[in-house]
Protein backbone atom coordinates (compact mmCIF):
# COMPACT_ATOMS: atom_id res chain seq x y z
CA UNK A 1 109.50 98.07 91.28
CA UNK A 2 106.46 99.28 89.30
CA UNK A 3 103.64 96.85 88.67
CA UNK A 4 103.10 95.64 85.14
CA UNK A 5 99.74 96.06 83.44
CA UNK A 6 99.03 92.36 84.01
CA UNK A 7 99.89 92.58 87.72
CA UNK A 8 97.69 95.66 88.07
CA UNK A 9 94.81 93.93 86.28
CA UNK A 10 95.23 90.87 88.53
CA UNK A 11 95.19 93.06 91.66
CA UNK A 12 92.01 94.83 90.55
CA UNK A 13 90.31 91.55 89.65
CA UNK A 14 91.40 90.13 93.01
CA UNK A 15 89.72 93.04 94.79
CA UNK A 16 86.55 92.51 92.78
CA UNK A 17 86.64 88.76 93.49
CA UNK A 18 87.02 89.45 97.22
CA UNK A 19 84.00 91.78 97.09
CA UNK A 20 81.99 89.20 95.19
CA UNK A 21 82.77 86.49 97.73
CA UNK A 22 81.82 88.79 100.63
CA UNK A 23 78.51 89.59 98.93
CA UNK A 24 77.87 85.93 97.93
CA UNK A 25 79.06 83.86 100.90
CA UNK A 26 77.50 80.72 99.43
CA UNK A 27 80.22 80.84 96.77
CA UNK A 28 82.90 80.24 99.42
CA UNK A 29 81.57 76.71 99.97
CA UNK A 30 82.58 75.88 96.39
CA UNK A 31 86.24 76.77 97.01
CA UNK A 32 88.34 73.85 98.29
CA UNK A 33 90.41 74.47 101.41
CA UNK A 34 93.87 75.86 100.63
CA UNK A 35 93.09 76.10 96.91
CA UNK A 36 95.21 78.35 94.73
CA UNK A 37 92.65 80.60 93.03
CA UNK A 38 93.66 81.57 89.50
CA UNK A 39 91.61 84.43 88.10
CA UNK A 40 90.85 84.42 84.39
CA UNK A 41 89.11 87.10 82.36
CA UNK A 42 86.87 85.88 79.55
CA UNK A 43 88.21 87.04 76.19
CA UNK A 44 91.67 88.12 77.43
CA UNK A 45 93.97 85.30 76.37
CA UNK A 46 97.16 87.23 77.14
CA UNK A 47 96.11 87.88 80.72
CA UNK A 48 94.78 84.35 81.15
CA UNK A 49 98.05 82.79 79.99
CA UNK A 50 100.03 85.02 82.35
CA UNK A 51 97.63 84.46 85.28
CA UNK A 52 97.70 80.68 84.82
CA UNK A 53 101.50 80.60 84.70
CA UNK A 54 101.92 82.80 87.77
CA UNK A 55 99.19 80.97 89.69
CA UNK A 56 100.79 77.59 89.04
CA UNK A 57 104.22 78.95 90.03
CA UNK A 58 102.84 80.31 93.31
CA UNK A 59 100.75 77.26 94.21
CA UNK A 60 102.03 75.09 97.01
CA UNK A 61 102.74 71.51 96.02
CA UNK A 62 99.78 69.13 96.06
CA UNK A 63 97.22 71.89 96.71
CA UNK A 64 94.22 72.15 94.38
CA UNK A 65 94.09 74.77 91.64
CA UNK A 66 90.79 76.57 91.15
CA UNK A 67 90.25 78.52 87.95
CA UNK A 68 87.71 81.32 88.30
CA UNK A 69 86.63 82.87 85.00
CA UNK A 70 85.23 86.36 85.31
CA UNK A 71 82.71 86.57 82.50
CA UNK A 72 81.40 90.09 82.88
CA UNK A 73 82.29 93.18 84.90
CA UNK A 74 79.86 95.98 85.64
CA UNK A 75 81.06 99.45 84.69
CA UNK A 76 83.37 100.96 87.29
CA UNK A 77 81.91 103.75 89.35
CA UNK A 78 82.98 105.87 92.25
CA UNK A 79 81.81 105.00 95.75
CA UNK A 80 82.38 108.57 96.96
CA UNK A 81 79.13 109.90 98.38
CA UNK A 82 80.19 113.42 99.31
CA UNK A 83 83.04 115.80 98.45
CA UNK A 84 84.17 119.23 99.46
CA UNK A 85 86.44 121.56 97.49
CA UNK A 86 88.71 124.30 98.71
CA UNK A 87 90.64 126.53 96.35
CA UNK A 88 94.25 127.20 97.36
C-alpha cells in the first residue's frame, strides 16, 4: 500500500526529530517515559489535524501525549560527500 503525502511527511519529520534528539541529548530528559510523541508542523493545519488524530489513535491507554511543534526546518541538502559516474 503506497504511503499518503501525510504519512510520508510524518516519516520524514520523524527522521529529523530522531536526528535532533541524537544531537541534543538534553532534550530527551524533557520527554516523559512511554510518551506518545505527536509531531506538529507550524503553519500546516491539515498535517497537524491528521497527526494529532493518528497519534491519539496509536497511543496506549493512560500514557502521556507529548506534542512537539517543529517551528523551522533548515533547507534539505545531500549528505553525499563523493560520487563516481560510469557511462553504460
